[in-house]
PDB file of N, CA and C in Angstrom:
ATOM      1  N   MET A   1       6.462 -13.923   4.469  1.00  0.00           N
ATOM      2  CA  MET A   1       6.519 -13.726   5.879  1.00  0.00           C
ATOM      3  C   MET A   1       5.952 -12.351   6.190  1.00  0.00           C
ATOM      4  N   SER A   2       5.136 -12.282   7.227  1.00  0.00           N
ATOM      5  CA  SER A   2       4.606 -10.987   7.649  1.00  0.00           C
ATOM      6  C   SER A   2       4.548 -10.935   9.165  1.00  0.00           C
ATOM      7  N   LEU A   3       4.570  -9.712   9.654  1.00  0.00           N
ATOM      8  CA  LEU A   3       4.566  -9.480  11.081  1.00  0.00           C
ATOM      9  C   LEU A   3       3.800  -8.197  11.347  1.00  0.00           C
ATOM     10  N   SER A   4       2.945  -8.224  12.347  1.00  0.00           N
ATOM     11  CA  SER A   4       2.261  -6.996  12.748  1.00  0.00           C
ATOM     12  C   SER A   4       2.255  -6.907  14.265  1.00  0.00           C
ATOM     13  N   TYR A   5       2.235  -5.674  14.735  1.00  0.00           N
ATOM     14  CA  TYR A   5       2.264  -5.427  16.172  1.00  0.00           C
ATOM     15  C   TYR A   5       1.316  -4.280  16.471  1.00  0.00           C
ATOM     16  N   ALA A   6       0.429  -4.487  17.423  1.00  0.00           N
ATOM     17  CA  ALA A   6      -0.523  -3.456  17.820  1.00  0.00           C
ATOM     18  C   ALA A   6      -0.207  -3.015  19.239  1.00  0.00           C
ATOM     19  N   PHE A   7      -0.179  -1.716  19.433  1.00  0.00           N
ATOM     20  CA  PHE A   7       0.034  -1.140  20.749  1.00  0.00           C
ATOM     21  C   PHE A   7      -0.945   0.008  20.909  1.00  0.00           C
ATOM     22  N   GLY A   8      -1.963  -0.215  21.694  1.00  0.00           N
ATOM     23  CA  GLY A   8      -2.990   0.811  21.852  1.00  0.00           C
ATOM     24  C   GLY A   8      -3.704   1.063  20.546  1.00  0.00           C
ATOM     25  N   SER A   9      -3.685   2.298  20.106  1.00  0.00           N
ATOM     26  CA  SER A   9      -4.394   2.653  18.873  1.00  0.00           C
ATOM     27  C   SER A   9      -3.495   2.637  17.643  1.00  0.00           C
ATOM     28  N   ILE A  10      -2.250   2.177  17.777  1.00  0.00           N
ATOM     29  CA  ILE A  10      -1.304   2.140  16.658  1.00  0.00           C
ATOM     30  C   ILE A  10      -1.010   0.693  16.289  1.00  0.00           C
ATOM     31  N   THR A  11      -1.035   0.413  15.001  1.00  0.00           N
ATOM     32  CA  THR A  11      -0.664  -0.904  14.493  1.00  0.00           C
ATOM     33  C   THR A  11       0.402  -0.732  13.423  1.00  0.00           C
ATOM     34  N   ALA A  12       1.491  -1.471  13.544  1.00  0.00           N
ATOM     35  CA  ALA A  12       2.574  -1.456  12.560  1.00  0.00           C
ATOM     36  C   ALA A  12       2.697  -2.850  11.967  1.00  0.00           C
ATOM     37  N   SER A  13       2.972  -2.914  10.665  1.00  0.00           N
ATOM     38  CA  SER A  13       3.125  -4.217  10.017  1.00  0.00           C
ATOM     39  C   SER A  13       4.218  -4.151   8.959  1.00  0.00           C
ATOM     40  N   VAL A  14       4.890  -5.278   8.763  1.00  0.00           N
ATOM     41  CA  VAL A  14       5.888  -5.444   7.716  1.00  0.00           C
ATOM     42  C   VAL A  14       5.646  -6.784   7.038  1.00  0.00           C
ATOM     43  N   SER A  15       6.023  -6.861   5.771  1.00  0.00           N
ATOM     44  CA  SER A  15       5.813  -8.085   5.012  1.00  0.00           C
ATOM     45  C   SER A  15       6.918  -8.225   3.970  1.00  0.00           C
ATOM     46  N   SER A  16       7.303  -9.458   3.717  1.00  0.00           N
ATOM     47  CA  SER A  16       8.304  -9.748   2.692  1.00  0.00           C
ATOM     48  C   SER A  16       7.955 -11.079   2.042  1.00  0.00           C
ATOM     49  N   SER A  17       8.010 -11.109   0.725  1.00  0.00           N
ATOM     50  CA  SER A  17       7.755 -12.369   0.020  1.00  0.00           C
ATOM     51  C   SER A  17       8.667 -12.464  -1.192  1.00  0.00           C
ATOM     52  N   GLU A  18       8.958 -13.684  -1.590  1.00  0.00           N
ATOM     53  CA  GLU A  18       9.815 -13.943  -2.749  1.00  0.00           C
ATOM     54  C   GLU A  18       9.146 -14.925  -3.681  1.00  0.00           C
ATOM     55  N   TYR A  19       9.407 -14.747  -4.952  1.00  0.00           N
ATOM     56  CA  TYR A  19       8.968 -15.693  -5.969  1.00  0.00           C
ATOM     57  C   TYR A  19      10.216 -16.123  -6.725  1.00  0.00           C
ATOM     58  N   ASP A  20      10.545 -17.404  -6.631  1.00  0.00           N
ATOM     59  CA  ASP A  20      11.717 -17.944  -7.320  1.00  0.00           C
ATOM     60  C   ASP A  20      11.255 -18.760  -8.514  1.00  0.00           C
ATOM     61  N   HIS A  21      11.634 -18.309  -9.686  1.00  0.00           N
ATOM     62  CA  HIS A  21      11.289 -18.970 -10.944  1.00  0.00           C
ATOM     63  C   HIS A  21      12.439 -19.879 -11.348  1.00  0.00           C
ATOM     64  N   THR A  22      12.164 -20.837 -12.197  1.00  0.00           N
ATOM     65  CA  THR A  22      13.230 -21.730 -12.670  1.00  0.00           C
ATOM     66  C   THR A  22      14.258 -20.965 -13.485  1.00  0.00           C
ATOM     67  N   THR A  23      13.838 -19.851 -14.080  1.00  0.00           N
ATOM     68  CA  THR A  23      14.756 -18.945 -14.765  1.00  0.00           C
ATOM     69  C   THR A  23      15.007 -17.772 -13.824  1.00  0.00           C
ATOM     70  N   ALA A  24      16.257 -17.601 -13.399  1.00  0.00           N
ATOM     71  CA  ALA A  24      16.575 -16.616 -12.355  1.00  0.00           C
ATOM     72  C   ALA A  24      16.172 -15.196 -12.729  1.00  0.00           C
ATOM     73  N   SER A  25      16.139 -14.865 -14.007  1.00  0.00           N
ATOM     74  CA  SER A  25      15.804 -13.493 -14.396  1.00  0.00           C
ATOM     75  C   SER A  25      14.344 -13.148 -14.110  1.00  0.00           C
ATOM     76  N   TYR A  26      13.498 -14.143 -13.844  1.00  0.00           N
ATOM     77  CA  TYR A  26      12.088 -13.900 -13.526  1.00  0.00           C
ATOM     78  C   TYR A  26      11.816 -13.860 -12.016  1.00  0.00           C
ATOM     79  N   ASP A  27      12.849 -13.979 -11.188  1.00  0.00           N
ATOM     80  CA  ASP A  27      12.666 -13.918  -9.745  1.00  0.00           C
ATOM     81  C   ASP A  27      12.126 -12.552  -9.334  1.00  0.00           C
ATOM     82  N   GLN A  28      11.358 -12.537  -8.261  1.00  0.00           N
ATOM     83  CA  GLN A  28      10.739 -11.296  -7.796  1.00  0.00           C
ATOM     84  C   GLN A  28      10.710 -11.271  -6.275  1.00  0.00           C
ATOM     85  N   GLU A  29      10.928 -10.099  -5.692  1.00  0.00           N
ATOM     86  CA  GLU A  29      10.853  -9.917  -4.251  1.00  0.00           C
ATOM     87  C   GLU A  29       9.970  -8.706  -3.947  1.00  0.00           C
ATOM     88  N   VAL A  30       9.040  -8.873  -3.006  1.00  0.00           N
ATOM     89  CA  VAL A  30       8.109  -7.812  -2.622  1.00  0.00           C
ATOM     90  C   VAL A  30       8.266  -7.549  -1.126  1.00  0.00           C
ATOM     91  N   THR A  31       8.517  -6.297  -0.764  1.00  0.00           N
ATOM     92  CA  THR A  31       8.589  -5.899   0.635  1.00  0.00           C
ATOM     93  C   THR A  31       7.606  -4.761   0.863  1.00  0.00           C
ATOM     94  N   SER A  32       6.974  -4.755   2.020  1.00  0.00           N
ATOM     95  CA  SER A  32       6.016  -3.696   2.318  1.00  0.00           C
ATOM     96  C   SER A  32       5.959  -3.443   3.812  1.00  0.00           C
ATOM     97  N   TRP A  33       5.463  -2.260   4.151  1.00  0.00           N
ATOM     98  CA  TRP A  33       5.239  -1.913   5.535  1.00  0.00           C
ATOM     99  C   TRP A  33       4.043  -0.977   5.617  1.00  0.00           C
ATOM    100  N   GLY A  34       3.405  -0.962   6.772  1.00  0.00           N
ATOM    101  CA  GLY A  34       2.250  -0.102   6.959  1.00  0.00           C
ATOM    102  C   GLY A  34       2.136   0.339   8.407  1.00  0.00           C
ATOM    103  N   LEU A  35       1.491   1.470   8.586  1.00  0.00           N
ATOM    104  CA  LEU A  35       1.279   2.030   9.908  1.00  0.00           C
ATOM    105  C   LEU A  35      -0.131   2.591   9.946  1.00  0.00           C
ATOM    106  N   SER A  36      -0.911   2.180  10.938  1.00  0.00           N
ATOM    107  CA  SER A  36      -2.277   2.695  11.057  1.00  0.00           C
ATOM    108  C   SER A  36      -2.496   3.241  12.465  1.00  0.00           C
ATOM    109  N   TYR A  37      -3.363   4.234  12.525  1.00  0.00           N
ATOM    110  CA  TYR A  37      -3.643   4.900  13.789  1.00  0.00           C
ATOM    111  C   TYR A  37      -5.141   5.111  13.904  1.00  0.00           C
ATOM    112  N   THR A  38      -5.709   4.621  14.972  1.00  0.00           N
ATOM    113  CA  THR A  38      -7.124   4.831  15.258  1.00  0.00           C
ATOM    114  C   THR A  38      -7.223   6.070  16.138  1.00  0.00           C
ATOM    115  N   VAL A  39      -7.666   7.173  15.542  1.00  0.00           N
ATOM    116  CA  VAL A  39      -7.738   8.440  16.249  1.00  0.00           C
ATOM    117  C   VAL A  39      -8.822   8.385  17.314  1.00  0.00           C
ATOM    118  N   SER A  40      -9.980   7.848  16.949  1.00  0.00           N
ATOM    119  CA  SER A  40     -11.103   7.698  17.872  1.00  0.00           C
ATOM    120  C   SER A  40     -11.949   6.530  17.382  1.00  0.00           C
ATOM    121  N   ASP A  41     -13.082   6.280  18.027  1.00  0.00           N
ATOM    122  CA  ASP A  41     -13.972   5.221  17.551  1.00  0.00           C
ATOM    123  C   ASP A  41     -14.481   5.509  16.145  1.00  0.00           C
ATOM    124  N   ALA A  42     -14.448   6.767  15.726  1.00  0.00           N
ATOM    125  CA  ALA A  42     -15.029   7.153  14.444  1.00  0.00           C
ATOM    126  C   ALA A  42     -13.999   7.422  13.353  1.00  0.00           C
ATOM    127  N   ILE A  43     -12.758   7.720  13.704  1.00  0.00           N
ATOM    128  CA  ILE A  43     -11.763   8.172  12.724  1.00  0.00           C
ATOM    129  C   ILE A  43     -10.527   7.277  12.765  1.00  0.00           C
ATOM    130  N   SER A  44     -10.054   6.885  11.592  1.00  0.00           N
ATOM    131  CA  SER A  44      -8.802   6.140  11.493  1.00  0.00           C
ATOM    132  C   SER A  44      -8.033   6.590  10.249  1.00  0.00           C
ATOM    133  N   VAL A  45      -6.708   6.515  10.326  1.00  0.00           N
ATOM    134  CA  VAL A  45      -5.839   6.867   9.204  1.00  0.00           C
ATOM    135  C   VAL A  45      -4.750   5.797   9.094  1.00  0.00           C
ATOM    136  N   SER A  46      -4.241   5.610   7.877  1.00  0.00           N
ATOM    137  CA  SER A  46      -3.157   4.655   7.688  1.00  0.00           C
ATOM    138  C   SER A  46      -2.283   5.082   6.521  1.00  0.00           C
ATOM    139  N   TYR A  47      -1.034   4.610   6.551  1.00  0.00           N
ATOM    140  CA  TYR A  47      -0.058   4.886   5.497  1.00  0.00           C
ATOM    141  C   TYR A  47       0.738   3.616   5.260  1.00  0.00           C
ATOM    142  N   GLY A  48       1.103   3.364   4.010  1.00  0.00           N
ATOM    143  CA  GLY A  48       1.890   2.185   3.706  1.00  0.00           C
ATOM    144  C   GLY A  48       2.730   2.358   2.457  1.00  0.00           C
ATOM    145  N   GLN A  49       3.775   1.553   2.347  1.00  0.00           N
ATOM    146  CA  GLN A  49       4.658   1.541   1.178  1.00  0.00           C
ATOM    147  C   GLN A  49       4.950   0.099   0.781  1.00  0.00           C
ATOM    148  N   GLU A  50       5.151  -0.096  -0.524  1.00  0.00           N
ATOM    149  CA  GLU A  50       5.505  -1.411  -1.045  1.00  0.00           C
ATOM    150  C   GLU A  50       6.527  -1.247  -2.153  1.00  0.00           C
ATOM    151  N   THR A  51       7.512  -2.128  -2.169  1.00  0.00           N
ATOM    152  CA  THR A  51       8.541  -2.134  -3.208  1.00  0.00           C
ATOM    153  C   THR A  51       8.556  -3.500  -3.871  1.00  0.00           C
ATOM    154  N   ILE A  52       8.525  -3.493  -5.207  1.00  0.00           N
ATOM    155  CA  ILE A  52       8.552  -4.734  -5.980  1.00  0.00           C
ATOM    156  C   ILE A  52       9.839  -4.739  -6.787  1.00  0.00           C
ATOM    157  N   GLU A  53      10.675  -5.725  -6.514  1.00  0.00           N
ATOM    158  CA  GLU A  53      11.961  -5.850  -7.198  1.00  0.00           C
ATOM    159  C   GLU A  53      11.909  -7.069  -8.110  1.00  0.00           C
ATOM    160  N   ASN A  54      12.128  -6.836  -9.395  1.00  0.00           N
ATOM    161  CA  ASN A  54      12.112  -7.900 -10.385  1.00  0.00           C
ATOM    162  C   ASN A  54      13.454  -7.881 -11.100  1.00  0.00           C
ATOM    163  N   ASN A  55      14.079  -9.016 -11.284  1.00  0.00           N
ATOM    164  CA  ASN A  55      15.408  -9.075 -11.894  1.00  0.00           C
ATOM    165  C   ASN A  55      15.429  -8.587 -13.338  1.00  0.00           C
ATOM    166  N   LEU A  56      14.291  -8.587 -14.023  1.00  0.00           N
ATOM    167  CA  LEU A  56      14.246  -8.106 -15.406  1.00  0.00           C
ATOM    168  C   LEU A  56      14.181  -6.585 -15.501  1.00  0.00           C
ATOM    169  N   ASP A  57      13.762  -5.921 -14.437  1.00  0.00           N
ATOM    170  CA  ASP A  57      13.555  -4.482 -14.469  1.00  0.00           C
ATOM    171  C   ASP A  57      14.822  -3.730 -14.090  1.00  0.00           C
ATOM    172  N   THR A  58      14.939  -2.499 -14.611  1.00  0.00           N
ATOM    173  CA  THR A  58      16.087  -1.664 -14.270  1.00  0.00           C
ATOM    174  C   THR A  58      15.830  -0.802 -13.047  1.00  0.00           C
ATOM    175  N   ALA A  59      14.564  -0.679 -12.634  1.00  0.00           N
ATOM    176  CA  ALA A  59      14.217   0.094 -11.434  1.00  0.00           C
ATOM    177  C   ALA A  59      13.117  -0.633 -10.673  1.00  0.00           C
ATOM    178  N   ASP A  60      13.137  -0.511  -9.363  1.00  0.00           N
ATOM    179  CA  ASP A  60      12.105  -1.123  -8.524  1.00  0.00           C
ATOM    180  C   ASP A  60      10.797  -0.357  -8.660  1.00  0.00           C
ATOM    181  N   ILE A  61       9.696  -1.069  -8.639  1.00  0.00           N
ATOM    182  CA  ILE A  61       8.373  -0.448  -8.618  1.00  0.00           C
ATOM    183  C   ILE A  61       8.093  -0.060  -7.172  1.00  0.00           C
ATOM    184  N   GLU A  62       7.727   1.196  -6.951  1.00  0.00           N
ATOM    185  CA  GLU A  62       7.491   1.690  -5.602  1.00  0.00           C
ATOM    186  C   GLU A  62       6.078   2.257  -5.515  1.00  0.00           C
ATOM    187  N   VAL A  63       5.321   1.766  -4.542  1.00  0.00           N
ATOM    188  CA  VAL A  63       3.923   2.177  -4.362  1.00  0.00           C
ATOM    189  C   VAL A  63       3.759   2.676  -2.934  1.00  0.00           C
ATOM    190  N   ASP A  64       3.078   3.804  -2.764  1.00  0.00           N
ATOM    191  CA  ASP A  64       2.762   4.278  -1.422  1.00  0.00           C
ATOM    192  C   ASP A  64       1.355   4.849  -1.421  1.00  0.00           C
ATOM    193  N   GLY A  65       0.711   4.791  -0.251  1.00  0.00           N
ATOM    194  CA  GLY A  65      -0.657   5.259  -0.180  1.00  0.00           C
ATOM    195  C   GLY A  65      -1.075   5.628   1.228  1.00  0.00           C
ATOM    196  N   VAL A  66      -2.097   6.458   1.283  1.00  0.00           N
ATOM    197  CA  VAL A  66      -2.661   6.895   2.554  1.00  0.00           C
ATOM    198  C   VAL A  66      -4.177   6.744   2.480  1.00  0.00           C
ATOM    199  N   THR A  67      -4.785   6.321   3.577  1.00  0.00           N
ATOM    200  CA  THR A  67      -6.239   6.195   3.648  1.00  0.00           C
ATOM    201  C   THR A  67      -6.727   6.834   4.946  1.00  0.00           C
ATOM    202  N   ALA A  68      -7.958   7.295   4.899  1.00  0.00           N
ATOM    203  CA  ALA A  68      -8.601   7.847   6.091  1.00  0.00           C
ATOM    204  C   ALA A  68     -10.077   7.495   6.032  1.00  0.00           C
ATOM    205  N   SER A  69     -10.673   7.243   7.186  1.00  0.00           N
ATOM    206  CA  SER A  69     -12.100   6.936   7.197  1.00  0.00           C
ATOM    207  C   SER A  69     -12.759   7.546   8.433  1.00  0.00           C
ATOM    208  N   TYR A  70     -14.045   7.844   8.252  1.00  0.00           N
ATOM    209  CA  TYR A  70     -14.869   8.398   9.323  1.00  0.00           C
ATOM    210  C   TYR A  70     -16.167   7.610   9.358  1.00  0.00           C
ATOM    211  N   THR A  71     -16.544   7.129  10.533  1.00  0.00           N
ATOM    212  CA  THR A  71     -17.763   6.349  10.694  1.00  0.00           C
ATOM    213  C   THR A  71     -18.660   7.036  11.719  1.00  0.00           C
ATOM    214  N   SER A  72     -19.932   7.146  11.364  1.00  0.00           N
ATOM    215  CA  SER A  72     -20.924   7.703  12.281  1.00  0.00           C
ATOM    216  C   SER A  72     -22.217   6.926  12.098  1.00  0.00           C
ATOM    217  N   GLY A  73     -22.603   6.190  13.125  1.00  0.00           N
ATOM    218  CA  GLY A  73     -23.806   5.375  13.011  1.00  0.00           C
ATOM    219  C   GLY A  73     -23.625   4.326  11.931  1.00  0.00           C
ATOM    220  N   GLY A  74     -24.521   4.314  10.947  1.00  0.00           N
ATOM    221  CA  GLY A  74     -24.438   3.365   9.848  1.00  0.00           C
ATOM    222  C   GLY A  74     -23.782   3.932   8.601  1.00  0.00           C
ATOM    223  N   MET A  75     -23.105   5.088   8.721  1.00  0.00           N
ATOM    224  CA  MET A  75     -22.475   5.718   7.566  1.00  0.00           C
ATOM    225  C   MET A  75     -20.960   5.717   7.721  1.00  0.00           C
ATOM    226  N   THR A  76     -20.262   5.393   6.643  1.00  0.00           N
ATOM    227  CA  THR A  76     -18.805   5.466   6.618  1.00  0.00           C
ATOM    228  C   THR A  76     -18.373   6.246   5.383  1.00  0.00           C
ATOM    229  N   VAL A  77     -17.520   7.232   5.583  1.00  0.00           N
ATOM    230  CA  VAL A  77     -16.929   7.997   4.492  1.00  0.00           C
ATOM    231  C   VAL A  77     -15.438   7.710   4.523  1.00  0.00           C
ATOM    232  N   SER A  78     -14.860   7.368   3.374  1.00  0.00           N
ATOM    233  CA  SER A  78     -13.433   7.064   3.336  1.00  0.00           C
ATOM    234  C   SER A  78     -12.785   7.718   2.122  1.00  0.00           C
ATOM    235  N   ALA A  79     -11.499   7.996   2.272  1.00  0.00           N
ATOM    236  CA  ALA A  79     -10.702   8.586   1.192  1.00  0.00           C
ATOM    237  C   ALA A  79      -9.401   7.808   1.083  1.00  0.00           C
ATOM    238  N   LYS A  80      -8.914   7.677  -0.154  1.00  0.00           N
ATOM    239  CA  LYS A  80      -7.689   6.934  -0.413  1.00  0.00           C
ATOM    240  C   LYS A  80      -6.907   7.651  -1.498  1.00  0.00           C
ATOM    241  N   ALA A  81      -5.588   7.758  -1.326  1.00  0.00           N
ATOM    242  CA  ALA A  81      -4.695   8.307  -2.349  1.00  0.00           C
ATOM    243  C   ALA A  81      -3.497   7.378  -2.473  1.00  0.00           C
ATOM    244  N   ILE A  82      -3.215   6.949  -3.697  1.00  0.00           N
ATOM    245  CA  ILE A  82      -2.121   6.006  -3.953  1.00  0.00           C
ATOM    246  C   ILE A  82      -1.253   6.548  -5.082  1.00  0.00           C
ATOM    247  N   GLY A  83       0.049   6.415  -4.926  1.00  0.00           N
ATOM    248  CA  GLY A  83       0.995   6.795  -5.973  1.00  0.00           C
ATOM    249  C   GLY A  83       1.917   5.631  -6.275  1.00  0.00           C
ATOM    250  N   ALA A  84       2.260   5.470  -7.537  1.00  0.00           N
ATOM    251  CA  ALA A  84       3.159   4.388  -7.953  1.00  0.00           C
ATOM    252  C   ALA A  84       4.234   4.954  -8.874  1.00  0.00           C
ATOM    253  N   ASP A  85       5.485   4.639  -8.608  1.00  0.00           N
ATOM    254  CA  ASP A  85       6.616   5.081  -9.414  1.00  0.00           C
ATOM    255  C   ASP A  85       7.262   3.887 -10.102  1.00  0.00           C
ATOM    256  N   ASN A  86       7.792   4.130 -11.291  1.00  0.00           N
ATOM    257  CA  ASN A  86       8.516   3.119 -12.070  1.00  0.00           C
ATOM    258  C   ASN A  86       7.638   1.920 -12.404  1.00  0.00           C
ATOM    259  N   VAL A  87       6.373   2.154 -12.736  1.00  0.00           N
ATOM    260  CA  VAL A  87       5.437   1.054 -12.936  1.00  0.00           C
ATOM    261  C   VAL A  87       5.805   0.151 -14.107  1.00  0.00           C
ATOM    262  N   ASP A  88       6.582   0.645 -15.054  1.00  0.00           N
ATOM    263  CA  ASP A  88       7.007  -0.212 -16.158  1.00  0.00           C
ATOM    264  C   ASP A  88       8.375  -0.846 -15.908  1.00  0.00           C
ATOM    265  N   GLY A  89       8.909  -0.673 -14.687  1.00  0.00           N
ATOM    266  CA  GLY A  89      10.178  -1.306 -14.338  1.00  0.00           C
ATOM    267  C   GLY A  89      11.401  -0.499 -14.720  1.00  0.00           C
ATOM    268  N   SER A  90      11.206   0.725 -15.202  1.00  0.00           N
ATOM    269  CA  SER A  90      12.344   1.586 -15.514  1.00  0.00           C
ATOM    270  C   SER A  90      12.065   2.977 -14.954  1.00  0.00           C
ATOM    271  N   SER A  91      13.124   3.732 -14.761  1.00  0.00           N
ATOM    272  CA  SER A  91      12.943   5.076 -14.206  1.00  0.00           C
ATOM    273  C   SER A  91      12.760   6.133 -15.287  1.00  0.00           C
ATOM    274  N   THR A  92      12.803   5.727 -16.560  1.00  0.00           N
ATOM    275  CA  THR A  92      12.727   6.709 -17.648  1.00  0.00           C
ATOM    276  C   THR A  92      11.555   6.488 -18.590  1.00  0.00           C
ATOM    277  N   GLY A  93      10.673   5.565 -18.298  1.00  0.00           N
ATOM    278  CA  GLY A  93       9.572   5.234 -19.205  1.00  0.00           C
ATOM    279  C   GLY A  93       8.527   6.333 -19.317  1.00  0.00           C
ATOM    280  N   VAL A  94       7.788   6.317 -20.417  1.00  0.00           N
ATOM    281  CA  VAL A  94       6.693   7.246 -20.622  1.00  0.00           C
ATOM    282  C   VAL A  94       5.506   6.781 -19.782  1.00  0.00           C
ATOM    283  N   ASN A  95       4.786   7.710 -19.170  1.00  0.00           N
ATOM    284  CA  ASN A  95       3.666   7.377 -18.280  1.00  0.00           C
ATOM    285  C   ASN A  95       4.105   6.389 -17.203  1.00  0.00           C
ATOM    286  N   ASN A  96       5.270   6.637 -16.651  1.00  0.00           N
ATOM    287  CA  ASN A  96       5.903   5.722 -15.711  1.00  0.00           C
ATOM    288  C   ASN A  96       5.393   5.858 -14.282  1.00  0.00           C
ATOM    289  N   ASN A  97       4.824   7.017 -13.945  1.00  0.00           N
ATOM    290  CA  ASN A  97       4.352   7.267 -12.586  1.00  0.00           C
ATOM    291  C   ASN A  97       2.844   7.466 -12.621  1.00  0.00           C
ATOM    292  N   ASN A  98       2.154   6.793 -11.735  1.00  0.00           N
ATOM    293  CA  ASN A  98       0.687   6.874 -11.699  1.00  0.00           C
ATOM    294  C   ASN A  98       0.219   7.332 -10.328  1.00  0.00           C
ATOM    295  N   GLU A  99      -0.912   8.027 -10.330  1.00  0.00           N
ATOM    296  CA  GLU A  99      -1.560   8.422  -9.082  1.00  0.00           C
ATOM    297  C   GLU A  99      -3.034   8.102  -9.184  1.00  0.00           C
ATOM    298  N   MET A 100      -3.634   7.759  -8.044  1.00  0.00           N
ATOM    299  CA  MET A 100      -5.049   7.418  -8.005  1.00  0.00           C
ATOM    300  C   MET A 100      -5.613   7.916  -6.693  1.00  0.00           C
ATOM    301  N   TRP A 101      -6.822   8.405  -6.718  1.00  0.00           N
ATOM    302  CA  TRP A 101      -7.520   8.768  -5.488  1.00  0.00           C
ATOM    303  C   TRP A 101      -8.946   8.277  -5.577  1.00  0.00           C
ATOM    304  N   LYS A 102      -9.521   8.062  -4.415  1.00  0.00           N
ATOM    305  CA  LYS A 102     -10.878   7.526  -4.351  1.00  0.00           C
ATOM    306  C   LYS A 102     -11.566   8.076  -3.112  1.00  0.00           C
ATOM    307  N   LEU A 103     -12.800   8.489  -3.282  1.00  0.00           N
ATOM    308  CA  LEU A 103     -13.626   8.954  -2.190  1.00  0.00           C
ATOM    309  C   LEU A 103     -14.889   8.103  -2.224  1.00  0.00           C
ATOM    310  N   SER A 104     -15.255   7.528  -1.108  1.00  0.00           N
ATOM    311  CA  SER A 104     -16.433   6.653  -1.098  1.00  0.00           C
ATOM    312  C   SER A 104     -17.262   6.873   0.169  1.00  0.00           C
ATOM    313  N   ALA A 105     -18.531   6.526   0.054  1.00  0.00           N
ATOM    314  CA  ALA A 105     -19.455   6.591   1.188  1.00  0.00           C
ATOM    315  C   ALA A 105     -20.312   5.330   1.151  1.00  0.00           C
ATOM    316  N   SER A 106     -20.557   4.766   2.317  1.00  0.00           N
ATOM    317  CA  SER A 106     -21.424   3.600   2.402  1.00  0.00           C
ATOM    318  C   SER A 106     -22.418   3.810   3.540  1.00  0.00           C
ATOM    319  N   PHE A 107     -23.586   3.223   3.369  1.00  0.00           N
ATOM    320  CA  PHE A 107     -24.657   3.385   4.339  1.00  0.00           C
ATOM    321  C   PHE A 107     -25.222   2.021   4.706  1.00  0.00           C
ATOM    322  N   ALA A 108     -25.489   1.818   5.972  1.00  0.00           N
ATOM    323  CA  ALA A 108     -26.125   0.579   6.449  1.00  0.00           C
ATOM    324  C   ALA A 108     -27.488   0.953   7.038  1.00  0.00           C
ATOM    325  N   PHE A 109     -28.500   0.279   6.578  1.00  0.00           N
ATOM    326  CA  PHE A 109     -29.860   0.581   7.063  1.00  0.00           C
ATOM    327  C   PHE A 109     -30.367  -0.561   7.914  1.00  0.00           C
TER     328      PHE A 109
END
């Protein structure tokens, strides 16, 4: 199930989904929300979070990220930063937290 609402230059969204396995320990629930803001015709920013709950894991996987983009004519420059905690399903695992960033440019001729 998902729901989004736009009011002017702001859009908010929430989502929830479940996966029910025949073995209850494999059940999974995913919830997420996001908020985006169109600053102008050329600039937009957004932020979102997602939580993945699995019955086999001792900790929920938590992901959050922010994106921004700038468009001028046929050029778009965008940046993205994402962080994830408890990616192995526990709060004490080695290399348990990950971060990623991306900068991109595209051109239309």
